[in-house]
Amino acid sequence: MVETRPARQRTNSGPGRLLIAVYLLFAIAATSRAGLQIATKFDEAPVAYLLSALAALIYIVAAVGLAWGGHTGRRVALVCCSVELVGVVAVGILSLADKALFPDETVWSQFGSGYGYIPLVLPVLGLYWLWRTRRDPA
């Protein structure tokens, strides 16, 4: 008798679509913010503004990975969500510990407080969704 495994839910279906939409929304917000800051006042806080640009890039690539699905898309999304989580926690801690490091806010400053802490929750949801839609190892 051949044992069949249940099909894996695609990362771009069901709640994954909402997750992709939120990533795209944050990609637009972070790209707009970073672009304006870099264009108008880069010399005031270059590290903060470059971190916002990095966050924007990660949001874009994560959304593409989740939307693409498949093995490669899942890997891309996994790397992006992991880097995003480490980044938001590290920048959050540093921005609270030493305000001089970030003279102006980034998307990830104070754990994303300027964006309702969604930058902290989003990678956790992304990682959960990737875990939830994995192939069942049983």
Protein backbone atom coordinates (compact mmCIF):
# COMPACT_ATOMS: atom_id res chain seq x y z
CA MET A 1 0.00 0.00 0.00
CA VAL A 2 1.35 3.40 -0.97
CA GLU A 3 1.24 6.03 1.74
CA THR A 4 0.29 9.47 0.50
CA ARG A 5 1.21 12.66 2.23
CA PRO A 6 -1.17 15.57 2.39
CA ALA A 7 -0.36 18.28 -0.10
CA ARG A 8 1.54 21.25 1.23
CA GLN A 9 -0.43 24.45 1.35
CA ARG A 10 1.26 27.00 -0.87
CA THR A 11 2.81 30.05 0.76
CA ASN A 12 0.85 32.29 -1.61
CA SER A 13 -2.58 30.89 -0.77
CA GLY A 14 -5.06 31.53 2.02
CA PRO A 15 -3.61 33.69 4.82
CA GLY A 16 -0.35 33.81 2.86
CA ARG A 17 -1.96 36.29 0.49
CA LEU A 18 -2.61 38.68 3.36
CA LEU A 19 0.96 38.23 4.58
CA ILE A 20 2.28 39.03 1.10
CA ALA A 21 0.05 42.12 0.93
CA VAL A 22 1.36 43.37 4.30
CA TYR A 23 4.95 42.77 3.16
CA LEU A 24 4.25 44.74 -0.02
CA LEU A 25 2.64 47.56 1.97
CA PHE A 26 5.69 47.74 4.24
CA ALA A 27 7.98 47.56 1.20
CA ILE A 28 6.25 50.63 -0.23
CA ALA A 29 6.28 52.48 3.11
CA ALA A 30 9.93 51.70 3.89
CA THR A 31 11.08 52.42 0.33
CA SER A 32 9.28 55.77 0.32
CA ARG A 33 10.62 56.73 3.73
CA ALA A 34 14.19 55.67 2.99
CA GLY A 35 14.14 57.28 -0.44
CA LEU A 36 12.96 60.60 0.92
CA GLN A 37 15.40 60.54 3.84
CA ILE A 38 18.37 59.57 1.66
CA ALA A 39 17.48 62.21 -0.94
CA THR A 40 16.88 65.09 1.47
CA LYS A 41 18.95 64.59 4.62
CA PHE A 42 21.34 61.68 4.19
CA ASP A 43 24.19 63.46 5.97
CA GLU A 44 22.15 63.74 9.22
CA ALA A 45 21.85 60.00 9.92
CA PRO A 46 23.26 57.87 7.09
CA VAL A 47 23.23 54.59 9.06
CA ALA A 48 19.58 54.99 10.05
CA TYR A 49 18.50 55.81 6.51
CA LEU A 50 20.51 52.97 4.98
CA LEU A 51 18.96 50.58 7.49
CA SER A 52 15.52 51.74 6.40
CA ALA A 53 16.53 51.08 2.80
CA LEU A 54 17.79 47.61 3.78
CA ALA A 55 14.49 46.92 5.54
CA ALA A 56 12.65 47.96 2.38
CA LEU A 57 14.75 45.63 0.26
CA ILE A 58 14.15 42.74 2.67
CA TYR A 59 10.38 43.40 2.61
CA ILE A 60 10.37 43.37 -1.20
CA VAL A 61 12.40 40.16 -1.48
CA ALA A 62 10.39 38.43 1.26
CA ALA A 63 7.14 39.29 -0.52
CA VAL A 64 8.51 37.95 -3.80
CA GLY A 65 9.71 34.75 -2.11
CA LEU A 66 6.35 34.17 -0.43
CA ALA A 67 4.48 34.92 -3.65
CA TRP A 68 6.76 32.77 -5.76
CA GLY A 69 6.42 29.76 -3.50
CA GLY A 70 8.14 26.53 -4.42
CA HIS A 71 11.42 25.41 -2.94
CA THR A 72 13.44 28.46 -4.00
CA GLY A 73 10.77 30.97 -3.00
CA ARG A 74 10.44 29.35 0.41
CA ARG A 75 14.20 29.49 0.93
CA VAL A 76 14.35 33.15 -0.09
CA ALA A 77 11.46 34.00 2.23
CA LEU A 78 13.03 32.01 5.08
CA VAL A 79 16.32 33.89 4.77
CA CYS A 80 14.56 37.25 4.52
CA CYS A 81 12.27 36.65 7.50
CA SER A 82 15.20 35.40 9.58
CA VAL A 83 17.42 38.36 8.70
CA GLU A 84 14.50 40.71 9.28
CA LEU A 85 13.82 39.27 12.74
CA VAL A 86 17.48 39.46 13.76
CA GLY A 87 17.69 42.99 12.35
CA VAL A 88 14.60 44.36 14.07
CA VAL A 89 15.63 42.85 17.42
CA ALA A 90 19.24 44.06 17.12
CA VAL A 91 18.31 47.56 15.95
CA GLY A 92 15.52 47.69 18.53
CA ILE A 93 17.92 46.89 21.36
CA LEU A 94 20.63 49.24 20.07
CA SER A 95 18.21 52.09 19.49
CA LEU A 96 16.99 51.85 23.08
CA ALA A 97 20.44 51.29 24.60
CA ASP A 98 22.23 54.15 22.84
CA LYS A 99 20.10 56.79 21.16
CA ALA A 100 23.23 58.41 19.70
CA LEU A 101 23.67 55.42 17.36
CA PHE A 102 20.49 56.37 15.53
CA PRO A 103 20.00 60.15 15.54
CA ASP A 104 16.86 59.60 13.46
CA GLU A 105 14.49 56.64 13.45
CA THR A 106 14.67 53.66 11.15
CA VAL A 107 11.83 51.32 10.29
CA TRP A 108 13.25 48.94 12.92
CA SER A 109 14.03 51.52 15.65
CA GLN A 110 12.60 50.64 19.05
CA PHE A 111 11.37 47.34 17.60
CA GLY A 112 9.31 49.11 14.94
CA SER A 113 7.35 51.26 17.38
CA GLY A 114 6.86 53.93 14.72
CA TYR A 115 4.95 51.36 12.67
CA GLY A 116 2.91 49.88 15.51
CA TYR A 117 5.48 47.13 16.18
CA ILE A 118 4.42 45.41 12.97
CA PRO A 119 8.09 45.17 11.88
CA LEU A 120 8.66 42.98 14.96
CA VAL A 121 5.57 40.82 14.44
CA LEU A 122 5.81 40.47 10.65
CA PRO A 123 8.90 38.22 10.47
CA VAL A 124 7.48 36.03 13.25
CA LEU A 125 4.29 35.62 11.23
CA GLY A 126 6.33 34.98 8.09
CA LEU A 127 8.41 32.29 9.78
CA TYR A 128 5.28 30.74 11.28
CA TRP A 129 3.59 30.67 7.88
CA LEU A 130 6.64 29.05 6.29
CA TRP A 131 6.64 26.45 9.08
CA ARG A 132 2.87 25.93 8.80
CA THR A 133 3.02 25.36 5.04
CA ARG A 134 6.03 23.03 5.09
CA ARG A 135 5.71 19.44 3.98
CA ASP A 136 4.54 17.23 6.80
CA PRO A 137 7.62 15.15 7.76
CA ALA A 138 5.44 12.28 8.98
